[in-house]
Amino acid sequence: METIMGVLLESLGLFYPLFLASVVTFVYPIIKRSWIWMLLSAILIFPDAWFFSKHPPFPWAIFVPLVQVVFAILFYLWKRNCKM
């Protein structure tokens, strides 16, 4: 897992593009209430959160994608209840 994250973030230089894409895909689903886009945001932020969690001052950073997963669940339940 560490080698995959190392290649993604360090060798390919995808740290900032993944972070920017995650922020954009976090704001868009909040406006549109889309659970699919919120899950995509959680997937995109996971490598960055994993990278930050390995540093001593930020061991809690690995749990940041869980916030987006909770939002996705809430959006899914909200849409399902509105259709009924």
PDB file of N, CA and C in Angstrom:
ATOM      1  N   MET A   1       0.826  -1.193   0.000  1.00  0.00           N
ATOM      2  CA  MET A   1       0.000   0.000   0.000  1.00  0.00           C
ATOM      3  C   MET A   1       0.867   1.252   0.000  1.00  0.00           C
ATOM      4  N   GLU A   2       1.951   1.214   0.752  1.00  0.00           N
ATOM      5  CA  GLU A   2       2.822   2.379   0.816  1.00  0.00           C
ATOM      6  C   GLU A   2       3.483   2.653  -0.525  1.00  0.00           C
ATOM      7  N   THR A   3       3.814   1.600  -1.259  1.00  0.00           N
ATOM      8  CA  THR A   3       4.442   1.824  -2.561  1.00  0.00           C
ATOM      9  C   THR A   3       3.452   2.426  -3.554  1.00  0.00           C
ATOM     10  N   ILE A   4       2.202   1.994  -3.491  1.00  0.00           N
ATOM     11  CA  ILE A   4       1.180   2.547  -4.386  1.00  0.00           C
ATOM     12  C   ILE A   4       0.968   4.028  -4.087  1.00  0.00           C
ATOM     13  N   MET A   5       0.843   4.366  -2.805  1.00  0.00           N
ATOM     14  CA  MET A   5       0.648   5.764  -2.428  1.00  0.00           C
ATOM     15  C   MET A   5       1.889   6.595  -2.748  1.00  0.00           C
ATOM     16  N   GLY A   6       3.063   6.015  -2.585  1.00  0.00           N
ATOM     17  CA  GLY A   6       4.288   6.720  -2.924  1.00  0.00           C
ATOM     18  C   GLY A   6       4.365   7.044  -4.397  1.00  0.00           C
ATOM     19  N   VAL A   7       3.968   6.101  -5.226  1.00  0.00           N
ATOM     20  CA  VAL A   7       3.976   6.343  -6.670  1.00  0.00           C
ATOM     21  C   VAL A   7       2.936   7.397  -7.035  1.00  0.00           C
ATOM     22  N   LEU A   8       1.740   7.297  -6.456  1.00  0.00           N
ATOM     23  CA  LEU A   8       0.683   8.254  -6.771  1.00  0.00           C
ATOM     24  C   LEU A   8       1.036   9.671  -6.351  1.00  0.00           C
ATOM     25  N   LEU A   9       1.501   9.827  -5.131  1.00  0.00           N
ATOM     26  CA  LEU A   9       1.674  11.161  -4.580  1.00  0.00           C
ATOM     27  C   LEU A   9       3.042  11.766  -4.858  1.00  0.00           C
ATOM     28  N   GLU A  10       4.095  10.967  -4.820  1.00  0.00           N
ATOM     29  CA  GLU A  10       5.427  11.524  -4.956  1.00  0.00           C
ATOM     30  C   GLU A  10       5.951  11.426  -6.382  1.00  0.00           C
ATOM     31  N   SER A  11       5.933  10.262  -6.963  1.00  0.00           N
ATOM     32  CA  SER A  11       6.506  10.086  -8.301  1.00  0.00           C
ATOM     33  C   SER A  11       5.667  10.756  -9.379  1.00  0.00           C
ATOM     34  N   LEU A  12       4.364  10.570  -9.337  1.00  0.00           N
ATOM     35  CA  LEU A  12       3.490  11.157 -10.345  1.00  0.00           C
ATOM     36  C   LEU A  12       3.076  12.591 -10.003  1.00  0.00           C
ATOM     37  N   GLY A  13       3.297  12.995  -8.761  1.00  0.00           N
ATOM     38  CA  GLY A  13       2.953  14.354  -8.356  1.00  0.00           C
ATOM     39  C   GLY A  13       1.462  14.624  -8.348  1.00  0.00           C
ATOM     40  N   LEU A  14       0.676  13.681  -7.878  1.00  0.00           N
ATOM     41  CA  LEU A  14      -0.778  13.822  -7.886  1.00  0.00           C
ATOM     42  C   LEU A  14      -1.358  14.341  -6.574  1.00  0.00           C
ATOM     43  N   PHE A  15      -0.518  14.831  -5.675  1.00  0.00           N
ATOM     44  CA  PHE A  15      -1.027  15.286  -4.386  1.00  0.00           C
ATOM     45  C   PHE A  15      -1.997  16.458  -4.561  1.00  0.00           C
ATOM     46  N   TYR A  16      -1.552  17.525  -5.210  1.00  0.00           N
ATOM     47  CA  TYR A  16      -2.404  18.694  -5.370  1.00  0.00           C
ATOM     48  C   TYR A  16      -3.555  18.477  -6.357  1.00  0.00           C
ATOM     49  N   PRO A  17      -3.350  17.791  -7.471  1.00  0.00           N
ATOM     50  CA  PRO A  17      -4.517  17.536  -8.336  1.00  0.00           C
ATOM     51  C   PRO A  17      -5.602  16.708  -7.655  1.00  0.00           C
ATOM     52  N   LEU A  18      -5.211  15.696  -6.875  1.00  0.00           N
ATOM     53  CA  LEU A  18      -6.220  14.910  -6.155  1.00  0.00           C
ATOM     54  C   LEU A  18      -6.920  15.752  -5.102  1.00  0.00           C
ATOM     55  N   PHE A  19      -6.181  16.611  -4.422  1.00  0.00           N
ATOM     56  CA  PHE A  19      -6.770  17.470  -3.400  1.00  0.00           C
ATOM     57  C   PHE A  19      -7.751  18.455  -4.032  1.00  0.00           C
ATOM     58  N   LEU A  20      -7.356  19.076  -5.130  1.00  0.00           N
ATOM     59  CA  LEU A  20      -8.231  20.031  -5.803  1.00  0.00           C
ATOM     60  C   LEU A  20      -9.481  19.344  -6.357  1.00  0.00           C
ATOM     61  N   ALA A  21      -9.321  18.182  -6.968  1.00  0.00           N
ATOM     62  CA  ALA A  21     -10.472  17.438  -7.483  1.00  0.00           C
ATOM     63  C   ALA A  21     -11.404  17.024  -6.346  1.00  0.00           C
ATOM     64  N   SER A  22     -10.831  16.670  -5.216  1.00  0.00           N
ATOM     65  CA  SER A  22     -11.652  16.283  -4.080  1.00  0.00           C
ATOM     66  C   SER A  22     -12.451  17.468  -3.534  1.00  0.00           C
ATOM     67  N   VAL A  23     -11.845  18.629  -3.484  1.00  0.00           N
ATOM     68  CA  VAL A  23     -12.559  19.816  -3.006  1.00  0.00           C
ATOM     69  C   VAL A  23     -13.699  20.173  -3.955  1.00  0.00           C
ATOM     70  N   VAL A  24     -13.431  20.121  -5.250  1.00  0.00           N
ATOM     71  CA  VAL A  24     -14.480  20.432  -6.228  1.00  0.00           C
ATOM     72  C   VAL A  24     -15.613  19.415  -6.132  1.00  0.00           C
ATOM     73  N   THR A  25     -15.253  18.129  -6.011  1.00  0.00           N
ATOM     74  CA  THR A  25     -16.296  17.109  -5.917  1.00  0.00           C
ATOM     75  C   THR A  25     -16.896  17.020  -4.520  1.00  0.00           C
ATOM     76  N   PHE A  26     -16.426  17.833  -3.596  1.00  0.00           N
ATOM     77  CA  PHE A  26     -17.084  17.944  -2.301  1.00  0.00           C
ATOM     78  C   PHE A  26     -18.104  19.081  -2.313  1.00  0.00           C
ATOM     79  N   VAL A  27     -17.772  20.171  -2.984  1.00  0.00           N
ATOM     80  CA  VAL A  27     -18.673  21.322  -3.038  1.00  0.00           C
ATOM     81  C   VAL A  27     -19.865  21.046  -3.963  1.00  0.00           C
ATOM     82  N   TYR A  28     -19.601  20.452  -5.115  1.00  0.00           N
ATOM     83  CA  TYR A  28     -20.675  20.176  -6.074  1.00  0.00           C
ATOM     84  C   TYR A  28     -21.781  19.300  -5.489  1.00  0.00           C
ATOM     85  N   PRO A  29     -21.470  18.181  -4.821  1.00  0.00           N
ATOM     86  CA  PRO A  29     -22.580  17.368  -4.291  1.00  0.00           C
ATOM     87  C   PRO A  29     -23.324  18.020  -3.136  1.00  0.00           C
ATOM     88  N   ILE A  30     -22.682  18.925  -2.430  1.00  0.00           N
ATOM     89  CA  ILE A  30     -23.412  19.625  -1.375  1.00  0.00           C
ATOM     90  C   ILE A  30     -24.476  20.518  -2.007  1.00  0.00           C
ATOM     91  N   ILE A  31     -24.128  21.130  -3.129  1.00  0.00           N
ATOM     92  CA  ILE A  31     -25.101  21.977  -3.819  1.00  0.00           C
ATOM     93  C   ILE A  31     -26.207  21.136  -4.446  1.00  0.00           C
ATOM     94  N   LYS A  32     -25.847  20.033  -5.106  1.00  0.00           N
ATOM     95  CA  LYS A  32     -26.810  19.196  -5.825  1.00  0.00           C
ATOM     96  C   LYS A  32     -27.388  18.046  -4.995  1.00  0.00           C
ATOM     97  N   ARG A  33     -26.853  17.824  -3.801  1.00  0.00           N
ATOM     98  CA  ARG A  33     -27.284  16.713  -2.938  1.00  0.00           C
ATOM     99  C   ARG A  33     -27.108  15.360  -3.637  1.00  0.00           C
ATOM    100  N   SER A  34     -25.913  15.159  -4.205  1.00  0.00           N
ATOM    101  CA  SER A  34     -25.620  13.936  -4.947  1.00  0.00           C
ATOM    102  C   SER A  34     -24.730  13.014  -4.118  1.00  0.00           C
ATOM    103  N   TRP A  35     -25.227  11.840  -3.825  1.00  0.00           N
ATOM    104  CA  TRP A  35     -24.445  10.913  -3.004  1.00  0.00           C
ATOM    105  C   TRP A  35     -23.341  10.250  -3.815  1.00  0.00           C
ATOM    106  N   ILE A  36     -23.523  10.095  -5.112  1.00  0.00           N
ATOM    107  CA  ILE A  36     -22.499   9.472  -5.950  1.00  0.00           C
ATOM    108  C   ILE A  36     -21.263  10.359  -6.032  1.00  0.00           C
ATOM    109  N   TRP A  37     -21.469  11.655  -6.240  1.00  0.00           N
ATOM    110  CA  TRP A  37     -20.330  12.567  -6.306  1.00  0.00           C
ATOM    111  C   TRP A  37     -19.635  12.694  -4.957  1.00  0.00           C
ATOM    112  N   MET A  38     -20.391  12.570  -3.876  1.00  0.00           N
ATOM    113  CA  MET A  38     -19.775  12.637  -2.550  1.00  0.00           C
ATOM    114  C   MET A  38     -18.898  11.418  -2.306  1.00  0.00           C
ATOM    115  N   LEU A  39     -19.321  10.253  -2.757  1.00  0.00           N
ATOM    116  CA  LEU A  39     -18.464   9.071  -2.649  1.00  0.00           C
ATOM    117  C   LEU A  39     -17.211   9.210  -3.510  1.00  0.00           C
ATOM    118  N   LEU A  40     -17.348   9.797  -4.666  1.00  0.00           N
ATOM    119  CA  LEU A  40     -16.186  10.054  -5.509  1.00  0.00           C
ATOM    120  C   LEU A  40     -15.212  10.993  -4.809  1.00  0.00           C
ATOM    121  N   SER A  41     -15.737  11.973  -4.111  1.00  0.00           N
ATOM    122  CA  SER A  41     -14.882  12.883  -3.350  1.00  0.00           C
ATOM    123  C   SER A  41     -14.118  12.143  -2.258  1.00  0.00           C
ATOM    124  N   ALA A  42     -14.770  11.215  -1.598  1.00  0.00           N
ATOM    125  CA  ALA A  42     -14.096  10.429  -0.552  1.00  0.00           C
ATOM    126  C   ALA A  42     -12.997   9.560  -1.147  1.00  0.00           C
ATOM    127  N   ILE A  43     -13.253   9.002  -2.312  1.00  0.00           N
ATOM    128  CA  ILE A  43     -12.232   8.174  -2.965  1.00  0.00           C
ATOM    129  C   ILE A  43     -11.039   9.020  -3.387  1.00  0.00           C
ATOM    130  N   LEU A  44     -11.306  10.223  -3.874  1.00  0.00           N
ATOM    131  CA  LEU A  44     -10.219  11.093  -4.320  1.00  0.00           C
ATOM    132  C   LEU A  44      -9.372  11.631  -3.168  1.00  0.00           C
ATOM    133  N   ILE A  45      -9.972  11.864  -2.011  1.00  0.00           N
ATOM    134  CA  ILE A  45      -9.219  12.425  -0.893  1.00  0.00           C
ATOM    135  C   ILE A  45      -8.477  11.352  -0.096  1.00  0.00           C
ATOM    136  N   PHE A  46      -8.813  10.087  -0.294  1.00  0.00           N
ATOM    137  CA  PHE A  46      -8.207   9.022   0.500  1.00  0.00           C
ATOM    138  C   PHE A  46      -6.677   8.978   0.410  1.00  0.00           C
ATOM    139  N   PRO A  47      -6.050   9.063  -0.775  1.00  0.00           N
ATOM    140  CA  PRO A  47      -4.580   9.027  -0.790  1.00  0.00           C
ATOM    141  C   PRO A  47      -3.941  10.190  -0.034  1.00  0.00           C
ATOM    142  N   ASP A  48      -4.529  11.372  -0.135  1.00  0.00           N
ATOM    143  CA  ASP A  48      -3.996  12.517   0.595  1.00  0.00           C
ATOM    144  C   ASP A  48      -4.179  12.340   2.100  1.00  0.00           C
ATOM    145  N   ALA A  49      -5.336  11.844   2.505  1.00  0.00           N
ATOM    146  CA  ALA A  49      -5.583  11.622   3.930  1.00  0.00           C
ATOM    147  C   ALA A  49      -4.647  10.551   4.478  1.00  0.00           C
ATOM    148  N   TRP A  50      -4.421   9.529   3.707  1.00  0.00           N
ATOM    149  CA  TRP A  50      -3.507   8.469   4.129  1.00  0.00           C
ATOM    150  C   TRP A  50      -2.092   9.020   4.278  1.00  0.00           C
ATOM    151  N   PHE A  51      -1.676   9.869   3.343  1.00  0.00           N
ATOM    152  CA  PHE A  51      -0.348  10.474   3.387  1.00  0.00           C
ATOM    153  C   PHE A  51      -0.194  11.353   4.619  1.00  0.00           C
ATOM    154  N   PHE A  52      -1.198  12.177   4.923  1.00  0.00           N
ATOM    155  CA  PHE A  52      -1.121  13.051   6.091  1.00  0.00           C
ATOM    156  C   PHE A  52      -1.195  12.275   7.396  1.00  0.00           C
ATOM    157  N   SER A  53      -1.862  11.145   7.412  1.00  0.00           N
ATOM    158  CA  SER A  53      -1.989  10.386   8.660  1.00  0.00           C
ATOM    159  C   SER A  53      -0.670   9.756   9.086  1.00  0.00           C
ATOM    160  N   LYS A  54       0.284   9.657   8.184  1.00  0.00           N
ATOM    161  CA  LYS A  54       1.587   9.088   8.529  1.00  0.00           C
ATOM    162  C   LYS A  54       2.497  10.105   9.209  1.00  0.00           C
ATOM    163  N   HIS A  55       2.134  11.368   9.192  1.00  0.00           N
ATOM    164  CA  HIS A  55       2.915  12.400   9.874  1.00  0.00           C
ATOM    165  C   HIS A  55       2.458  12.492  11.318  1.00  0.00           C
ATOM    166  N   PRO A  56       3.376  12.679  12.251  1.00  0.00           N
ATOM    167  CA  PRO A  56       3.013  12.676  13.672  1.00  0.00           C
ATOM    168  C   PRO A  56       1.951  13.683  14.109  1.00  0.00           C
ATOM    169  N   PRO A  57       1.923  14.930  13.599  1.00  0.00           N
ATOM    170  CA  PRO A  57       0.895  15.829  14.133  1.00  0.00           C
ATOM    171  C   PRO A  57      -0.523  15.554  13.637  1.00  0.00           C
ATOM    172  N   PHE A  58      -0.674  14.729  12.596  1.00  0.00           N
ATOM    173  CA  PHE A  58      -2.002  14.510  12.006  1.00  0.00           C
ATOM    174  C   PHE A  58      -2.382  13.037  11.914  1.00  0.00           C
ATOM    175  N   PRO A  59      -2.399  12.278  13.007  1.00  0.00           N
ATOM    176  CA  PRO A  59      -2.775  10.864  12.888  1.00  0.00           C
ATOM    177  C   PRO A  59      -4.270  10.673  12.612  1.00  0.00           C
ATOM    178  N   TRP A  60      -5.086  11.681  12.867  1.00  0.00           N
ATOM    179  CA  TRP A  60      -6.532  11.607  12.675  1.00  0.00           C
ATOM    180  C   TRP A  60      -6.939  11.875  11.236  1.00  0.00           C
ATOM    181  N   ALA A  61      -6.006  12.281  10.381  1.00  0.00           N
ATOM    182  CA  ALA A  61      -6.342  12.670   9.010  1.00  0.00           C
ATOM    183  C   ALA A  61      -6.900  11.509   8.185  1.00  0.00           C
ATOM    184  N   ILE A  62      -6.614  10.284   8.561  1.00  0.00           N
ATOM    185  CA  ILE A  62      -7.116   9.134   7.814  1.00  0.00           C
ATOM    186  C   ILE A  62      -8.647   9.041   7.898  1.00  0.00           C
ATOM    187  N   PHE A  63      -9.250   9.697   8.887  1.00  0.00           N
ATOM    188  CA  PHE A  63     -10.694   9.625   9.069  1.00  0.00           C
ATOM    189  C   PHE A  63     -11.459  10.703   8.296  1.00  0.00           C
ATOM    190  N   VAL A  64     -10.766  11.582   7.597  1.00  0.00           N
ATOM    191  CA  VAL A  64     -11.427  12.643   6.826  1.00  0.00           C
ATOM    192  C   VAL A  64     -12.362  12.070   5.753  1.00  0.00           C
ATOM    193  N   PRO A  65     -11.977  11.028   5.010  1.00  0.00           N
ATOM    194  CA  PRO A  65     -12.924  10.487   4.018  1.00  0.00           C
ATOM    195  C   PRO A  65     -14.205   9.926   4.633  1.00  0.00           C
ATOM    196  N   LEU A  66     -14.171   9.572   5.900  1.00  0.00           N
ATOM    197  CA  LEU A  66     -15.387   9.065   6.542  1.00  0.00           C
ATOM    198  C   LEU A  66     -16.461  10.141   6.643  1.00  0.00           C
ATOM    199  N   VAL A  67     -16.059  11.395   6.737  1.00  0.00           N
ATOM    200  CA  VAL A  67     -17.027  12.493   6.758  1.00  0.00           C
ATOM    201  C   VAL A  67     -17.808  12.511   5.449  1.00  0.00           C
ATOM    202  N   GLN A  68     -17.097  12.335   4.351  1.00  0.00           N
ATOM    203  CA  GLN A  68     -17.763  12.339   3.058  1.00  0.00           C
ATOM    204  C   GLN A  68     -18.630  11.099   2.866  1.00  0.00           C
ATOM    205  N   VAL A  69     -18.206   9.987   3.409  1.00  0.00           N
ATOM    206  CA  VAL A  69     -19.019   8.770   3.313  1.00  0.00           C
ATOM    207  C   VAL A  69     -20.309   8.942   4.113  1.00  0.00           C
ATOM    208  N   VAL A  70     -20.224   9.564   5.276  1.00  0.00           N
ATOM    209  CA  VAL A  70     -21.429   9.819   6.079  1.00  0.00           C
ATOM    210  C   VAL A  70     -22.366  10.762   5.332  1.00  0.00           C
ATOM    211  N   PHE A  71     -21.813  11.811   4.717  1.00  0.00           N
ATOM    212  CA  PHE A  71     -22.636  12.708   3.913  1.00  0.00           C
ATOM    213  C   PHE A  71     -23.292  11.957   2.758  1.00  0.00           C
ATOM    214  N   ALA A  72     -22.557  11.059   2.122  1.00  0.00           N
ATOM    215  CA  ALA A  72     -23.115  10.290   1.007  1.00  0.00           C
ATOM    216  C   ALA A  72     -24.274   9.419   1.477  1.00  0.00           C
ATOM    217  N   ILE A  73     -24.127   8.802   2.626  1.00  0.00           N
ATOM    218  CA  ILE A  73     -25.211   7.980   3.177  1.00  0.00           C
ATOM    219  C   ILE A  73     -26.432   8.846   3.479  1.00  0.00           C
ATOM    220  N   LEU A  74     -26.195  10.003   4.079  1.00  0.00           N
ATOM    221  CA  LEU A  74     -27.313  10.899   4.382  1.00  0.00           C
ATOM    222  C   LEU A  74     -28.006  11.390   3.119  1.00  0.00           C
ATOM    223  N   PHE A  75     -27.237  11.737   2.081  1.00  0.00           N
ATOM    224  CA  PHE A  75     -27.834  12.173   0.822  1.00  0.00           C
ATOM    225  C   PHE A  75     -28.625  11.040   0.171  1.00  0.00           C
ATOM    226  N   TYR A  76     -28.100   9.820   0.244  1.00  0.00           N
ATOM    227  CA  TYR A  76     -28.799   8.667  -0.330  1.00  0.00           C
ATOM    228  C   TYR A  76     -30.134   8.437   0.389  1.00  0.00           C
ATOM    229  N   LEU A  77     -30.099   8.457   1.704  1.00  0.00           N
ATOM    230  CA  LEU A  77     -31.329   8.249   2.469  1.00  0.00           C
ATOM    231  C   LEU A  77     -32.320   9.379   2.239  1.00  0.00           C
ATOM    232  N   TRP A  78     -31.827  10.594   2.117  1.00  0.00           N
ATOM    233  CA  TRP A  78     -32.701  11.740   1.882  1.00  0.00           C
ATOM    234  C   TRP A  78     -33.396  11.616   0.531  1.00  0.00           C
ATOM    235  N   LYS A  79     -32.652  11.235  -0.517  1.00  0.00           N
ATOM    236  CA  LYS A  79     -33.262  11.074  -1.840  1.00  0.00           C
ATOM    237  C   LYS A  79     -34.249   9.917  -1.869  1.00  0.00           C
ATOM    238  N   ARG A  80     -33.925   8.836  -1.169  1.00  0.00           N
ATOM    239  CA  ARG A  80     -34.807   7.681  -1.145  1.00  0.00           C
ATOM    240  C   ARG A  80     -36.110   8.032  -0.434  1.00  0.00           C
ATOM    241  N   ASN A  81     -36.044   8.803   0.645  1.00  0.00           N
ATOM    242  CA  ASN A  81     -37.255   9.176   1.382  1.00  0.00           C
ATOM    243  C   ASN A  81     -38.088  10.197   0.619  1.00  0.00           C
ATOM    244  N   CYS A  82     -37.447  11.030  -0.178  1.00  0.00           N
ATOM    245  CA  CYS A  82     -38.194  12.019  -0.951  1.00  0.00           C
ATOM    246  C   CYS A  82     -38.982  11.376  -2.089  1.00  0.00           C
ATOM    247  N   LYS A  83     -38.513  10.260  -2.601  1.00  0.00           N
ATOM    248  CA  LYS A  83     -39.205   9.586  -3.699  1.00  0.00           C
ATOM    249  C   LYS A  83     -40.437   8.841  -3.223  1.00  0.00           C
ATOM    250  N   MET A  84     -40.475   8.487  -1.958  1.00  0.00           N
ATOM    251  CA  MET A  84     -41.614   7.720  -1.442  1.00  0.00           C
ATOM    252  C   MET A  84     -42.794   8.590  -1.131  1.00  0.00           C
TER     253      MET A  84
END
